[in-house]
Amino acid sequence: MTSTSAPSLSRRGRAAYAVVAVLAWAGVAATVSISTAGGYPPPAFYEPGLFAGAPDGWAGAPQRLVECLSYFTELSNIVVAVIATRLARGRGPAGRWTRAIHLCATMMITVTAIVYAALIAPSETLRGIGIITNPLQHVVVPAAMVAAAFGFGPRGGITWGTVARALAIPVAWVAYTMARGALVHQYPYAFLNVTRIGYGQAFVVIGAILAGAMAFLGLFAAVDWALRRAARARA
């Protein structure tokens, strides 16, 4: 790992992140507004212990808003939108927190895509506007973010401190999810549904996901190092 800061992006890099930002913000705005207004059709099957039970109409809007923002998918898309906007604006080199949030966003959106494809999509039936917004947040934005990160950087600036800071948001989400779940007895995903699977199994899944997150951080750091080495060899 390197202790140097990441240099500024090229014009094409900033343009790539502008596209990522537009896609991510569009997905977040659409999903949050539609969810809050109760615009998504109810699930065909309800599993006790998952988010549900908000009153119809605007009386249930606050609960639906909180639940929407409590999904890891939504958080990861928001983090991507924020960092992509920062990089698209191109305000100088990426400092340590910018680099950490970029690494965090790339890891989180990758976990979002893989966990969705492996654990959620096989049993989910998309209906209504979800046919558009769901793939946007789980497939299109992850692909665009990873392509921009690998294709344009930023490069360098990854230290052990960067990795630790990159884990702060996902770890905080886990703590929030389990603490809130203990109070309201509802969880965002079936694989975290303590009501059905118990705390032991839920924490096994959390441990596996965090281990995967660490592996992705290591992979991204290794790819960054390899790309910088290849660029120096061509220079």
C-alpha atoms as a PDB file:
ATOM      1  CA  MET A   1       0.000   0.000   0.000  1.00  0.00           C
ATOM      2  CA  THR A   2       1.083   3.538  -0.634  1.00  0.00           C
ATOM      3  CA  SER A   3       0.971   6.644   1.484  1.00  0.00           C
ATOM      4  CA  THR A   4       0.843   9.111  -1.409  1.00  0.00           C
ATOM      5  CA  SER A   5      -2.343  11.029  -2.167  1.00  0.00           C
ATOM      6  CA  ALA A   6      -4.308  10.243  -5.310  1.00  0.00           C
ATOM      7  CA  PRO A   7      -3.750  12.667  -8.222  1.00  0.00           C
ATOM      8  CA  SER A   8      -6.515  14.578  -9.963  1.00  0.00           C
ATOM      9  CA  LEU A   9      -8.654  12.788 -12.537  1.00  0.00           C
ATOM     10  CA  SER A  10      -8.431  13.361 -16.270  1.00  0.00           C
ATOM     11  CA  ARG A  11     -11.239  15.094 -18.143  1.00  0.00           C
ATOM     12  CA  ARG A  12     -12.529  11.729 -19.349  1.00  0.00           C
ATOM     13  CA  GLY A  13     -12.398  10.438 -15.787  1.00  0.00           C
ATOM     14  CA  ARG A  14     -14.482  13.354 -14.544  1.00  0.00           C
ATOM     15  CA  ALA A  15     -16.960  12.774 -17.384  1.00  0.00           C
ATOM     16  CA  ALA A  16     -17.225   9.091 -16.466  1.00  0.00           C
ATOM     17  CA  TYR A  17     -18.002   9.951 -12.856  1.00  0.00           C
ATOM     18  CA  ALA A  18     -20.549  12.524 -14.006  1.00  0.00           C
ATOM     19  CA  VAL A  19     -22.406   9.684 -15.740  1.00  0.00           C
ATOM     20  CA  VAL A  20     -22.153   7.546 -12.594  1.00  0.00           C
ATOM     21  CA  ALA A  21     -23.467  10.432 -10.482  1.00  0.00           C
ATOM     22  CA  VAL A  22     -26.464  11.001 -12.773  1.00  0.00           C
ATOM     23  CA  LEU A  23     -27.361   7.301 -12.749  1.00  0.00           C
ATOM     24  CA  ALA A  24     -26.934   6.964  -8.980  1.00  0.00           C
ATOM     25  CA  TRP A  25     -28.847  10.123  -8.078  1.00  0.00           C
ATOM     26  CA  ALA A  26     -31.647   9.166 -10.497  1.00  0.00           C
ATOM     27  CA  GLY A  27     -31.971   5.762  -8.852  1.00  0.00           C
ATOM     28  CA  VAL A  28     -31.907   7.193  -5.331  1.00  0.00           C
ATOM     29  CA  ALA A  29     -34.404   9.968  -6.113  1.00  0.00           C
ATOM     30  CA  ALA A  30     -36.819   7.617  -7.854  1.00  0.00           C
ATOM     31  CA  THR A  31     -36.605   4.825  -5.283  1.00  0.00           C
ATOM     32  CA  VAL A  32     -36.868   7.049  -2.212  1.00  0.00           C
ATOM     33  CA  SER A  33     -39.753   9.126  -3.585  1.00  0.00           C
ATOM     34  CA  ILE A  34     -41.721   6.134  -4.881  1.00  0.00           C
ATOM     35  CA  SER A  35     -41.129   4.145  -1.685  1.00  0.00           C
ATOM     36  CA  THR A  36     -42.150   7.045   0.541  1.00  0.00           C
ATOM     37  CA  ALA A  37     -45.326   7.609  -1.460  1.00  0.00           C
ATOM     38  CA  GLY A  38     -46.192   3.912  -1.321  1.00  0.00           C
ATOM     39  CA  GLY A  39     -45.878   3.551  -5.070  1.00  0.00           C
ATOM     40  CA  TYR A  40     -44.314   0.094  -5.135  1.00  0.00           C
ATOM     41  CA  PRO A  41     -46.712  -2.889  -5.167  1.00  0.00           C
ATOM     42  CA  PRO A  42     -46.624  -4.998  -1.993  1.00  0.00           C
ATOM     43  CA  PRO A  43     -44.570  -8.198  -2.130  1.00  0.00           C
ATOM     44  CA  ALA A  44     -46.306 -11.328  -3.341  1.00  0.00           C
ATOM     45  CA  PHE A  45     -45.170 -13.084  -0.151  1.00  0.00           C
ATOM     46  CA  TYR A  46     -44.568 -11.487   3.241  1.00  0.00           C
ATOM     47  CA  GLU A  47     -42.036 -13.014   5.616  1.00  0.00           C
ATOM     48  CA  PRO A  48     -42.652 -12.081   9.273  1.00  0.00           C
ATOM     49  CA  GLY A  49     -39.791 -10.014  10.610  1.00  0.00           C
ATOM     50  CA  LEU A  50     -39.109  -8.067   7.411  1.00  0.00           C
ATOM     51  CA  PHE A  51     -40.004  -4.425   6.804  1.00  0.00           C
ATOM     52  CA  ALA A  52     -43.787  -4.062   6.487  1.00  0.00           C
ATOM     53  CA  GLY A  53     -46.842  -2.710   8.245  1.00  0.00           C
ATOM     54  CA  ALA A  54     -46.678   0.969   7.319  1.00  0.00           C
ATOM     55  CA  PRO A  55     -50.169   2.537   7.205  1.00  0.00           C
ATOM     56  CA  ASP A  56     -51.600   3.250   3.779  1.00  0.00           C
ATOM     57  CA  GLY A  57     -51.337   6.749   2.349  1.00  0.00           C
ATOM     58  CA  TRP A  58     -49.273   9.593   3.721  1.00  0.00           C
ATOM     59  CA  ALA A  59     -49.737   8.385   7.301  1.00  0.00           C
ATOM     60  CA  GLY A  60     -47.225   5.643   6.533  1.00  0.00           C
ATOM     61  CA  ALA A  61     -44.825   7.859   4.580  1.00  0.00           C
ATOM     62  CA  PRO A  62     -42.366   8.481   7.464  1.00  0.00           C
ATOM     63  CA  GLN A  63     -42.049   4.750   8.187  1.00  0.00           C
ATOM     64  CA  ARG A  64     -41.610   3.913   4.505  1.00  0.00           C
ATOM     65  CA  LEU A  65     -38.958   6.631   4.160  1.00  0.00           C
ATOM     66  CA  VAL A  66     -36.957   5.335   7.124  1.00  0.00           C
ATOM     67  CA  GLU A  67     -37.222   1.765   5.878  1.00  0.00           C
ATOM     68  CA  CYS A  68     -36.137   2.712   2.365  1.00  0.00           C
ATOM     69  CA  LEU A  69     -33.066   4.525   3.683  1.00  0.00           C
ATOM     70  CA  SER A  70     -32.299   1.560   5.960  1.00  0.00           C
ATOM     71  CA  TYR A  71     -31.558  -0.793   3.071  1.00  0.00           C
ATOM     72  CA  PHE A  72     -27.882  -1.395   2.344  1.00  0.00           C
ATOM     73  CA  THR A  73     -28.718  -1.002  -1.343  1.00  0.00           C
ATOM     74  CA  GLU A  74     -29.953   2.535  -0.821  1.00  0.00           C
ATOM     75  CA  LEU A  75     -27.028   3.493   1.390  1.00  0.00           C
ATOM     76  CA  SER A  76     -24.506   2.136  -1.103  1.00  0.00           C
ATOM     77  CA  ASN A  77     -26.146   4.010  -3.979  1.00  0.00           C
ATOM     78  CA  ILE A  78     -26.149   7.237  -1.938  1.00  0.00           C
ATOM     79  CA  VAL A  79     -22.449   6.845  -1.112  1.00  0.00           C
ATOM     80  CA  VAL A  80     -21.727   6.224  -4.811  1.00  0.00           C
ATOM     81  CA  ALA A  81     -23.770   9.277  -5.808  1.00  0.00           C
ATOM     82  CA  VAL A  82     -21.949  11.529  -3.328  1.00  0.00           C
ATOM     83  CA  ILE A  83     -18.410  10.444  -4.208  1.00  0.00           C
ATOM     84  CA  ALA A  84     -19.108  10.350  -7.955  1.00  0.00           C
ATOM     85  CA  THR A  85     -20.401  13.923  -7.741  1.00  0.00           C
ATOM     86  CA  ARG A  86     -17.266  14.980  -5.860  1.00  0.00           C
ATOM     87  CA  LEU A  87     -14.969  13.371  -8.437  1.00  0.00           C
ATOM     88  CA  ALA A  88     -16.951  14.689 -11.406  1.00  0.00           C
ATOM     89  CA  ARG A  89     -16.485  18.232 -10.114  1.00  0.00           C
ATOM     90  CA  GLY A  90     -12.729  17.671 -10.124  1.00  0.00           C
ATOM     91  CA  ARG A  91     -11.679  19.832  -7.201  1.00  0.00           C
ATOM     92  CA  GLY A  92      -8.014  18.911  -6.994  1.00  0.00           C
ATOM     93  CA  PRO A  93      -6.370  15.642  -5.917  1.00  0.00           C
ATOM     94  CA  ALA A  94      -8.336  13.110  -3.903  1.00  0.00           C
ATOM     95  CA  GLY A  95      -7.453  13.546  -0.227  1.00  0.00           C
ATOM     96  CA  ARG A  96      -7.430  10.734   2.307  1.00  0.00           C
ATOM     97  CA  TRP A  97     -11.145  10.910   3.095  1.00  0.00           C
ATOM     98  CA  THR A  98     -12.135  11.245  -0.557  1.00  0.00           C
ATOM     99  CA  ARG A  99      -9.989   8.210  -1.350  1.00  0.00           C
ATOM    100  CA  ALA A 100     -11.455   6.261   1.567  1.00  0.00           C
ATOM    101  CA  ILE A 101     -15.043   7.081   0.595  1.00  0.00           C
ATOM    102  CA  HIS A 102     -14.311   6.183  -3.029  1.00  0.00           C
ATOM    103  CA  LEU A 103     -12.887   2.836  -1.921  1.00  0.00           C
ATOM    104  CA  CYS A 104     -15.864   2.352   0.407  1.00  0.00           C
ATOM    105  CA  ALA A 105     -18.367   3.200  -2.340  1.00  0.00           C
ATOM    106  CA  THR A 106     -16.750   0.819  -4.819  1.00  0.00           C
ATOM    107  CA  MET A 107     -16.734  -1.983  -2.259  1.00  0.00           C
ATOM    108  CA  MET A 108     -20.293  -1.336  -1.024  1.00  0.00           C
ATOM    109  CA  ILE A 109     -21.852  -1.190  -4.475  1.00  0.00           C
ATOM    110  CA  THR A 110     -19.996  -4.373  -5.458  1.00  0.00           C
ATOM    111  CA  VAL A 111     -21.316  -6.151  -2.363  1.00  0.00           C
ATOM    112  CA  THR A 112     -24.793  -4.818  -3.193  1.00  0.00           C
ATOM    113  CA  ALA A 113     -24.680  -6.290  -6.688  1.00  0.00           C
ATOM    114  CA  ILE A 114     -23.280  -9.670  -5.651  1.00  0.00           C
ATOM    115  CA  VAL A 115     -25.485 -10.182  -2.578  1.00  0.00           C
ATOM    116  CA  TYR A 116     -28.557  -9.185  -4.582  1.00  0.00           C
ATOM    117  CA  ALA A 117     -27.704 -11.551  -7.440  1.00  0.00           C
ATOM    118  CA  ALA A 118     -26.864 -14.444  -5.107  1.00  0.00           C
ATOM    119  CA  LEU A 119     -29.340 -14.134  -2.230  1.00  0.00           C
ATOM    120  CA  ILE A 120     -32.268 -11.928  -3.255  1.00  0.00           C
ATOM    121  CA  ALA A 121     -32.882 -11.986  -7.003  1.00  0.00           C
ATOM    122  CA  PRO A 122     -33.517 -15.760  -7.276  1.00  0.00           C
ATOM    123  CA  SER A 123     -36.648 -15.492  -5.098  1.00  0.00           C
ATOM    124  CA  GLU A 124     -37.790 -11.985  -6.066  1.00  0.00           C
ATOM    125  CA  THR A 125     -40.448 -11.140  -8.640  1.00  0.00           C
ATOM    126  CA  LEU A 126     -40.200  -7.582  -9.941  1.00  0.00           C
ATOM    127  CA  ARG A 127     -43.415  -5.717 -10.659  1.00  0.00           C
ATOM    128  CA  GLY A 128     -44.465  -2.209 -11.602  1.00  0.00           C
ATOM    129  CA  ILE A 129     -41.844   0.534 -11.619  1.00  0.00           C
ATOM    130  CA  GLY A 130     -39.492  -1.812  -9.765  1.00  0.00           C
ATOM    131  CA  ILE A 131     -38.750  -3.418 -13.126  1.00  0.00           C
ATOM    132  CA  ILE A 132     -36.796  -0.225 -13.895  1.00  0.00           C
ATOM    133  CA  THR A 133     -35.524   1.070 -10.545  1.00  0.00           C
ATOM    134  CA  ASN A 134     -34.393  -2.286  -9.182  1.00  0.00           C
ATOM    135  CA  PRO A 135     -31.953  -3.153 -12.010  1.00  0.00           C
ATOM    136  CA  LEU A 136     -30.784   0.469 -12.048  1.00  0.00           C
ATOM    137  CA  GLN A 137     -29.635   0.286  -8.434  1.00  0.00           C
ATOM    138  CA  HIS A 138     -28.490  -3.339  -8.344  1.00  0.00           C
ATOM    139  CA  VAL A 139     -26.914  -3.765 -11.787  1.00  0.00           C
ATOM    140  CA  VAL A 140     -26.444  -0.545 -13.779  1.00  0.00           C
ATOM    141  CA  VAL A 141     -24.970   1.682 -11.058  1.00  0.00           C
ATOM    142  CA  PRO A 142     -22.635  -1.055  -9.726  1.00  0.00           C
ATOM    143  CA  ALA A 143     -21.341  -1.786 -13.237  1.00  0.00           C
ATOM    144  CA  ALA A 144     -20.859   1.907 -14.006  1.00  0.00           C
ATOM    145  CA  MET A 145     -19.077   2.617 -10.707  1.00  0.00           C
ATOM    146  CA  VAL A 146     -16.687  -0.322 -10.964  1.00  0.00           C
ATOM    147  CA  ALA A 147     -15.943   0.518 -14.610  1.00  0.00           C
ATOM    148  CA  ALA A 148     -15.181   4.139 -13.707  1.00  0.00           C
ATOM    149  CA  ALA A 149     -13.017   3.131 -10.742  1.00  0.00           C
ATOM    150  CA  PHE A 150     -10.937   0.628 -12.705  1.00  0.00           C
ATOM    151  CA  GLY A 151     -10.862   2.690 -15.884  1.00  0.00           C
ATOM    152  CA  PHE A 152     -10.107   6.147 -14.531  1.00  0.00           C
ATOM    153  CA  GLY A 153      -9.096   5.953 -10.872  1.00  0.00           C
ATOM    154  CA  PRO A 154      -8.317   7.798  -8.724  1.00  0.00           C
ATOM    155  CA  ARG A 155      -5.084   5.887  -8.310  1.00  0.00           C
ATOM    156  CA  GLY A 156      -2.865   5.608  -5.261  1.00  0.00           C
ATOM    157  CA  GLY A 157      -3.495   7.054  -1.832  1.00  0.00           C
ATOM    158  CA  ILE A 158      -4.464   3.688  -0.295  1.00  0.00           C
ATOM    159  CA  THR A 159      -3.007   3.031   3.154  1.00  0.00           C
ATOM    160  CA  TRP A 160      -4.114   0.803   6.016  1.00  0.00           C
ATOM    161  CA  GLY A 161      -5.852   3.887   7.393  1.00  0.00           C
ATOM    162  CA  THR A 162      -7.729   4.238   4.101  1.00  0.00           C
ATOM    163  CA  VAL A 163      -8.986   0.672   4.407  1.00  0.00           C
ATOM    164  CA  ALA A 164     -10.067   1.221   8.021  1.00  0.00           C
ATOM    165  CA  ARG A 165     -11.944   4.393   7.095  1.00  0.00           C
ATOM    166  CA  ALA A 166     -13.543   2.592   4.140  1.00  0.00           C
ATOM    167  CA  LEU A 167     -15.089   0.090   6.565  1.00  0.00           C
ATOM    168  CA  ALA A 168     -16.639   2.741   8.815  1.00  0.00           C
ATOM    169  CA  ILE A 169     -19.903   3.159   6.893  1.00  0.00           C
ATOM    170  CA  PRO A 170     -20.714  -0.561   6.433  1.00  0.00           C
ATOM    171  CA  VAL A 171     -19.876  -1.343  10.064  1.00  0.00           C
ATOM    172  CA  ALA A 172     -22.082   1.555  11.201  1.00  0.00           C
ATOM    173  CA  TRP A 173     -24.893   0.210   8.994  1.00  0.00           C
ATOM    174  CA  VAL A 174     -24.623  -3.237  10.600  1.00  0.00           C
ATOM    175  CA  ALA A 175     -24.759  -1.712  14.090  1.00  0.00           C
ATOM    176  CA  TYR A 176     -27.736   0.470  13.152  1.00  0.00           C
ATOM    177  CA  THR A 177     -29.605  -2.401  11.485  1.00  0.00           C
ATOM    178  CA  MET A 178     -29.235  -4.770  14.414  1.00  0.00           C
ATOM    179  CA  ALA A 179     -29.985  -2.103  17.041  1.00  0.00           C
ATOM    180  CA  ARG A 180     -33.075  -0.862  15.204  1.00  0.00           C
ATOM    181  CA  GLY A 181     -34.173  -4.427  14.543  1.00  0.00           C
ATOM    182  CA  ALA A 182     -33.989  -5.226  18.252  1.00  0.00           C
ATOM    183  CA  LEU A 183     -36.369  -2.320  18.895  1.00  0.00           C
ATOM    184  CA  VAL A 184     -38.900  -2.712  16.074  1.00  0.00           C
ATOM    185  CA  HIS A 185     -38.393  -6.454  15.394  1.00  0.00           C
ATOM    186  CA  GLN A 186     -38.079  -5.872  11.664  1.00  0.00           C
ATOM    187  CA  TYR A 187     -35.085  -6.242   9.366  1.00  0.00           C
ATOM    188  CA  PRO A 188     -34.346  -5.253   5.766  1.00  0.00           C
ATOM    189  CA  TYR A 189     -33.324  -8.656   4.407  1.00  0.00           C
ATOM    190  CA  ALA A 190     -34.318 -12.284   4.952  1.00  0.00           C
ATOM    191  CA  PHE A 191     -30.697 -13.293   5.589  1.00  0.00           C
ATOM    192  CA  LEU A 192     -30.632 -10.851   8.535  1.00  0.00           C
ATOM    193  CA  ASN A 193     -34.133 -11.627   9.795  1.00  0.00           C
ATOM    194  CA  VAL A 194     -33.416 -12.448  13.432  1.00  0.00           C
ATOM    195  CA  THR A 195     -37.116 -13.148  13.973  1.00  0.00           C
ATOM    196  CA  ARG A 196     -36.815 -16.203  11.721  1.00  0.00           C
ATOM    197  CA  ILE A 197     -33.161 -17.297  11.776  1.00  0.00           C
ATOM    198  CA  GLY A 198     -31.989 -16.056  15.188  1.00  0.00           C
ATOM    199  CA  TYR A 199     -29.012 -13.919  16.147  1.00  0.00           C
ATOM    200  CA  GLY A 200     -26.459 -16.684  15.719  1.00  0.00           C
ATOM    201  CA  GLN A 201     -27.206 -17.286  12.048  1.00  0.00           C
ATOM    202  CA  ALA A 202     -27.621 -13.569  11.369  1.00  0.00           C
ATOM    203  CA  PHE A 203     -24.164 -12.795  12.748  1.00  0.00           C
ATOM    204  CA  VAL A 204     -22.654 -15.655  10.755  1.00  0.00           C
ATOM    205  CA  VAL A 205     -24.031 -14.005   7.615  1.00  0.00           C
ATOM    206  CA  ILE A 206     -22.808 -10.582   8.756  1.00  0.00           C
ATOM    207  CA  GLY A 207     -19.350 -12.009   9.385  1.00  0.00           C
ATOM    208  CA  ALA A 208     -19.289 -13.583   5.931  1.00  0.00           C
ATOM    209  CA  ILE A 209     -20.368 -10.344   4.264  1.00  0.00           C
ATOM    210  CA  LEU A 210     -17.790  -8.286   6.179  1.00  0.00           C
ATOM    211  CA  ALA A 211     -15.113 -10.831   5.278  1.00  0.00           C
ATOM    212  CA  GLY A 212     -16.167 -10.479   1.666  1.00  0.00           C
ATOM    213  CA  ALA A 213     -15.997  -6.704   2.005  1.00  0.00           C
ATOM    214  CA  MET A 214     -12.439  -6.969   3.321  1.00  0.00           C
ATOM    215  CA  ALA A 215     -11.543  -9.248   0.429  1.00  0.00           C
ATOM    216  CA  PHE A 216     -12.930  -6.741  -2.063  1.00  0.00           C
ATOM    217  CA  LEU A 217     -10.987  -3.910  -0.425  1.00  0.00           C
ATOM    218  CA  GLY A 218      -7.823  -5.975  -0.749  1.00  0.00           C
ATOM    219  CA  LEU A 219      -8.655  -6.810  -4.367  1.00  0.00           C
ATOM    220  CA  PHE A 220      -9.296  -3.177  -5.261  1.00  0.00           C
ATOM    221  CA  ALA A 221      -6.040  -2.117  -3.580  1.00  0.00           C
ATOM    222  CA  ALA A 222      -4.145  -4.815  -5.508  1.00  0.00           C
ATOM    223  CA  VAL A 223      -5.729  -3.804  -8.818  1.00  0.00           C
ATOM    224  CA  ASP A 224      -4.902  -0.163  -8.095  1.00  0.00           C
ATOM    225  CA  TRP A 225      -1.268  -1.085  -7.430  1.00  0.00           C
ATOM    226  CA  ALA A 226      -1.078  -3.199 -10.609  1.00  0.00           C
ATOM    227  CA  LEU A 227      -2.596  -0.473 -12.782  1.00  0.00           C
ATOM    228  CA  ARG A 228      -0.226   2.169 -11.405  1.00  0.00           C
ATOM    229  CA  ARG A 229       2.751  -0.139 -11.944  1.00  0.00           C
ATOM    230  CA  ALA A 230       1.652  -0.812 -15.533  1.00  0.00           C
ATOM    231  CA  ALA A 231       1.236   2.917 -16.156  1.00  0.00           C
ATOM    232  CA  ARG A 232       4.751   3.628 -14.837  1.00  0.00           C
ATOM    233  CA  ALA A 233       6.173   0.860 -17.050  1.00  0.00           C
ATOM    234  CA  ARG A 234       4.599   2.443 -20.130  1.00  0.00           C
ATOM    235  CA  ALA A 235       5.866   5.920 -19.239  1.00  0.00           C
END
